N, C-alpha and C. Protein backbone atom coordinates (compact mmCIF):
# COMPACT_ATOMS: atom_id res chain seq x y z
N MET A 1 -0.59 -11.46 -5.71
CA MET A 1 -0.62 -10.44 -7.07
C MET A 1 0.51 -10.74 -7.53
N ILE A 2 0.50 -10.51 -9.12
CA ILE A 2 1.58 -10.80 -9.72
C ILE A 2 2.25 -9.72 -10.49
N LYS A 3 3.03 -9.80 -10.75
CA LYS A 3 4.31 -8.65 -11.16
C LYS A 3 3.25 -7.44 -12.12
N VAL A 4 2.90 -8.05 -12.84
CA VAL A 4 2.27 -7.16 -14.13
C VAL A 4 1.09 -6.48 -13.37
N ASN A 5 0.31 -7.10 -12.38
CA ASN A 5 -0.86 -6.51 -11.85
C ASN A 5 -0.50 -5.43 -11.04
N LYS A 6 0.78 -5.88 -10.36
CA LYS A 6 1.49 -4.56 -9.27
C LYS A 6 1.23 -3.35 -10.09
N LYS A 7 2.12 -3.31 -11.43
CA LYS A 7 2.58 -2.28 -12.31
C LYS A 7 1.38 -1.50 -12.67
N GLU A 8 0.12 -2.48 -12.90
CA GLU A 8 -1.22 -1.88 -13.58
C GLU A 8 -1.81 -0.96 -12.29
N VAL A 9 -1.52 -1.42 -11.28
CA VAL A 9 -2.38 -0.92 -10.10
C VAL A 9 -1.72 0.00 -9.52
N LYS A 10 -0.36 0.42 -9.68
CA LYS A 10 0.27 1.49 -9.73
C LYS A 10 0.10 2.58 -10.58
N GLU A 11 0.08 2.05 -11.89
CA GLU A 11 -0.03 3.06 -13.10
C GLU A 11 -1.75 3.82 -12.76
N VAL A 12 -2.88 2.85 -12.22
CA VAL A 12 -4.05 3.79 -12.11
C VAL A 12 -3.63 4.57 -11.15
N PHE A 13 -2.88 4.82 -10.10
CA PHE A 13 -3.23 5.85 -9.13
C PHE A 13 -1.89 6.61 -9.27
N LYS A 14 -1.11 6.75 -10.54
CA LYS A 14 -0.26 8.01 -10.84
C LYS A 14 -0.89 9.06 -11.18
N LYS A 15 -0.45 10.17 -11.15
CA LYS A 15 -1.12 11.45 -11.71
C LYS A 15 -0.46 11.89 -12.86
N HIS A 16 0.59 11.35 -13.04
CA HIS A 16 1.46 11.78 -14.25
C HIS A 16 2.53 10.79 -14.18
N ASP A 17 3.59 10.80 -15.37
CA ASP A 17 4.66 9.63 -15.46
C ASP A 17 5.34 9.62 -14.44
N LYS A 18 5.76 10.87 -13.94
CA LYS A 18 6.86 10.83 -12.82
C LYS A 18 6.49 10.57 -11.30
N ASP A 19 5.00 10.58 -10.99
CA ASP A 19 4.72 10.46 -9.85
C ASP A 19 5.05 9.74 -8.84
N THR A 20 5.80 10.02 -8.06
CA THR A 20 6.07 9.23 -6.91
C THR A 20 5.69 9.18 -5.57
N GLY A 21 5.35 10.73 -5.45
CA GLY A 21 5.09 11.33 -4.02
C GLY A 21 3.27 11.55 -3.58
N SER A 22 2.68 11.58 -4.46
CA SER A 22 1.37 11.36 -4.25
C SER A 22 1.06 10.27 -2.92
N ALA A 23 -0.27 10.55 -2.33
CA ALA A 23 -0.60 9.99 -1.43
C ALA A 23 -1.00 8.69 -2.02
N GLU A 24 -1.85 8.79 -2.97
CA GLU A 24 -2.48 7.43 -3.89
C GLU A 24 -1.38 6.61 -3.99
N PHE A 25 -0.25 6.71 -4.84
CA PHE A 25 0.96 6.12 -5.48
C PHE A 25 1.54 5.58 -4.21
N GLN A 26 1.95 6.27 -2.97
CA GLN A 26 2.54 5.84 -1.97
C GLN A 26 1.71 4.81 -1.26
N ILE A 27 0.52 4.75 -1.46
CA ILE A 27 -0.35 3.69 -0.41
C ILE A 27 -0.51 2.43 -1.27
N SER A 28 -0.61 2.63 -2.67
CA SER A 28 -0.63 1.67 -3.43
C SER A 28 0.99 0.80 -3.45
N HIS A 29 2.30 1.68 -3.53
CA HIS A 29 3.53 1.16 -3.37
C HIS A 29 3.78 0.23 -1.85
N LEU A 30 3.02 0.89 -0.78
CA LEU A 30 3.52 0.53 0.36
C LEU A 30 2.22 -0.91 0.65
N THR A 31 1.32 -0.74 -0.19
CA THR A 31 0.66 -1.84 -0.11
C THR A 31 0.98 -3.26 -0.68
N ASP A 32 1.73 -2.69 -1.89
CA ASP A 32 2.58 -4.18 -2.50
C ASP A 32 3.74 -4.57 -1.50
N ARG A 33 4.48 -3.57 -0.80
CA ARG A 33 5.37 -4.01 -0.01
C ARG A 33 5.02 -4.75 1.19
N ILE A 34 3.98 -4.48 1.78
CA ILE A 34 3.43 -4.97 2.69
C ILE A 34 2.97 -6.40 2.50
N ASN A 35 2.45 -6.43 1.25
CA ASN A 35 1.83 -8.10 0.90
C ASN A 35 3.17 -8.93 0.71
N ILE A 36 4.27 -8.39 0.14
CA ILE A 36 5.43 -9.37 0.02
C ILE A 36 5.99 -9.71 1.38
N LEU A 37 5.90 -8.96 2.39
CA LEU A 37 6.56 -9.11 3.63
C LEU A 37 5.43 -10.43 4.29
N THR A 38 4.22 -10.03 3.86
CA THR A 38 3.12 -10.80 4.83
C THR A 38 3.61 -12.34 4.29
N ASP A 39 3.69 -12.25 2.71
CA ASP A 39 4.20 -13.59 2.46
C ASP A 39 5.09 -14.26 2.92
N HIS A 40 6.40 -13.47 2.74
CA HIS A 40 7.32 -14.13 3.36
C HIS A 40 7.38 -14.44 5.07
N LEU A 41 7.03 -13.56 5.89
CA LEU A 41 6.48 -14.11 7.03
C LEU A 41 5.57 -15.15 7.48
N ARG A 42 4.82 -15.76 6.64
CA ARG A 42 3.66 -16.91 6.45
C ARG A 42 5.17 -17.97 6.49
N SER A 43 5.95 -17.61 5.42
CA SER A 43 7.09 -19.09 5.45
C SER A 43 7.89 -18.83 6.55
N ASN A 44 8.32 -17.75 7.15
CA ASN A 44 9.29 -17.31 8.36
C ASN A 44 9.01 -16.97 9.21
N PRO A 45 8.38 -17.54 10.21
CA PRO A 45 7.58 -16.78 11.25
C PRO A 45 8.24 -16.44 12.36
N GLY A 46 9.71 -16.60 12.42
CA GLY A 46 10.52 -16.25 13.46
C GLY A 46 11.38 -14.96 13.05
N ASP A 47 10.94 -14.57 11.85
CA ASP A 47 11.68 -13.31 11.50
C ASP A 47 11.09 -11.87 12.02
N ASN A 48 11.73 -11.72 13.25
CA ASN A 48 11.59 -10.58 13.76
C ASN A 48 11.67 -9.26 13.26
N SER A 49 12.56 -9.16 12.70
CA SER A 49 13.08 -7.79 12.20
C SER A 49 12.43 -7.74 10.89
N SER A 50 11.82 -8.32 9.94
CA SER A 50 10.96 -8.43 9.11
C SER A 50 9.70 -8.01 9.62
N LYS A 51 9.17 -8.54 10.69
CA LYS A 51 7.67 -8.54 11.31
C LYS A 51 7.61 -6.67 11.55
N HIS A 52 8.82 -6.46 12.28
CA HIS A 52 9.16 -4.90 12.59
C HIS A 52 9.17 -3.99 11.52
N GLY A 53 9.59 -4.35 10.48
CA GLY A 53 9.53 -3.34 9.37
C GLY A 53 8.51 -3.39 8.87
N MET A 54 7.50 -4.56 9.03
CA MET A 54 6.06 -4.50 7.91
C MET A 54 5.18 -3.84 9.13
N LEU A 55 5.32 -3.76 10.19
CA LEU A 55 4.40 -2.90 11.13
C LEU A 55 4.91 -1.33 10.98
N LYS A 56 6.18 -1.30 10.55
CA LYS A 56 6.34 0.03 10.47
C LYS A 56 5.65 0.86 8.95
N LEU A 57 5.48 -0.14 8.13
CA LEU A 57 4.93 0.11 6.81
C LEU A 57 3.59 0.25 6.70
N VAL A 58 2.99 -0.40 7.82
CA VAL A 58 1.48 -0.55 8.09
C VAL A 58 1.01 0.82 8.46
N GLY A 59 1.63 1.03 9.79
CA GLY A 59 1.47 2.39 10.20
C GLY A 59 1.58 3.54 9.50
N LYS A 60 2.69 3.66 8.47
CA LYS A 60 2.79 4.84 7.13
C LYS A 60 1.79 4.63 6.42
N ARG A 61 1.21 3.55 6.37
CA ARG A 61 0.16 3.42 5.19
C ARG A 61 -1.10 3.70 5.67
N SER A 62 -1.41 3.53 7.08
CA SER A 62 -2.02 4.15 7.56
C SER A 62 -2.87 5.82 8.08
N ARG A 63 -1.00 6.36 8.05
CA ARG A 63 -1.25 7.76 8.40
C ARG A 63 -1.63 8.24 6.80
N LEU A 64 -1.14 7.80 5.89
CA LEU A 64 -1.48 8.16 4.65
C LEU A 64 -2.91 8.10 4.47
N LEU A 65 -3.41 7.07 4.66
CA LEU A 65 -5.01 6.89 4.23
C LEU A 65 -5.96 7.64 5.59
N ASN A 66 -5.16 7.91 6.45
CA ASN A 66 -6.19 8.90 7.53
C ASN A 66 -5.86 10.38 6.55
N PHE A 67 -4.91 10.80 5.80
CA PHE A 67 -5.02 11.89 5.23
C PHE A 67 -5.52 12.38 4.10
N LEU A 68 -5.68 10.88 3.62
CA LEU A 68 -6.48 11.06 2.11
C LEU A 68 -7.91 10.62 2.55
N ARG A 69 -8.39 10.03 3.75
CA ARG A 69 -9.75 10.26 4.11
C ARG A 69 -10.53 11.63 4.51
N GLN A 70 -9.16 12.64 4.96
CA GLN A 70 -9.60 14.03 5.47
C GLN A 70 -9.83 14.50 4.02
N ASP A 71 -9.03 14.54 3.02
CA ASP A 71 -9.00 15.11 1.93
C ASP A 71 -9.73 15.29 0.83
N ASN A 72 -9.72 13.72 0.48
CA ASN A 72 -10.64 13.36 -0.48
C ASN A 72 -11.39 11.84 -0.08
N ILE A 73 -12.60 11.99 0.24
CA ILE A 73 -13.36 10.47 0.62
C ILE A 73 -13.63 9.72 -0.29
N ASP A 74 -14.12 10.20 -1.67
CA ASP A 74 -14.05 9.51 -2.66
C ASP A 74 -12.94 8.39 -2.90
N LEU A 75 -11.93 9.53 -3.19
CA LEU A 75 -10.76 8.57 -3.90
C LEU A 75 -10.30 7.40 -2.70
N TYR A 76 -10.25 7.95 -1.40
CA TYR A 76 -10.09 7.10 -0.21
C TYR A 76 -10.99 5.83 -0.34
N ASN A 77 -12.48 5.83 -0.68
CA ASN A 77 -13.45 4.75 -0.67
C ASN A 77 -12.54 3.70 -1.99
N ASN A 78 -12.51 4.63 -3.15
CA ASN A 78 -11.92 3.81 -4.26
C ASN A 78 -10.61 2.86 -3.92
N ILE A 79 -9.88 3.81 -3.23
CA ILE A 79 -8.53 3.25 -3.26
C ILE A 79 -8.57 2.01 -2.06
N LEU A 80 -9.42 1.96 -1.11
CA LEU A 80 -9.67 0.73 -0.49
C LEU A 80 -10.45 -0.53 -0.89
N THR A 81 -11.18 -0.04 -1.80
CA THR A 81 -11.88 -1.17 -2.35
C THR A 81 -10.74 -1.80 -3.73
N SER A 82 -10.20 -1.05 -4.28
CA SER A 82 -9.52 -1.45 -5.38
C SER A 82 -8.37 -2.39 -4.97
N LEU A 83 -7.85 -1.72 -4.08
CA LEU A 83 -6.55 -2.65 -3.12
C LEU A 83 -6.94 -3.63 -2.22
N GLY A 84 -8.01 -3.76 -1.76
CA GLY A 84 -8.51 -4.55 -1.06
C GLY A 84 -7.95 -4.69 0.56
N ILE A 85 -7.92 -3.04 0.99
CA ILE A 85 -7.55 -2.94 2.01
C ILE A 85 -8.61 -2.71 3.39
N ARG A 86 -8.41 -3.72 4.35
CA ARG A 86 -9.59 -3.52 5.31
C ARG A 86 -9.16 -2.26 6.11
N LYS A 87 -10.36 -1.53 6.82
CA LYS A 87 -10.01 -0.40 7.62
C LYS A 87 -10.95 -0.29 8.45
C-alpha cells in the first residue's frame, strides 16, 4: 500500500472529518500499522519486540472485528473485502 492509498482507505471509513473512534476507522488504521510491521518483520525476523507489538495489534483488530460483526454484518463484510483481511 502506498501512502496516498492509506489515506484514501481511511477516508472511506470515516463517519465525519474528526472521526478517530469509530470501529471502522480503528480497524483500517490498525490494518495499516499491522501491514507496516509485517514488512518490517520480513526484513528483521529476529525483532521479537516488534513481533509482540504486532500480535497485540492483531488481537485488538480481531476484537473490533468481532464487535462490528455483531453490530453490522454488512459493514463487516465490506471492511473485510476492501482491506483484504482474512477472517
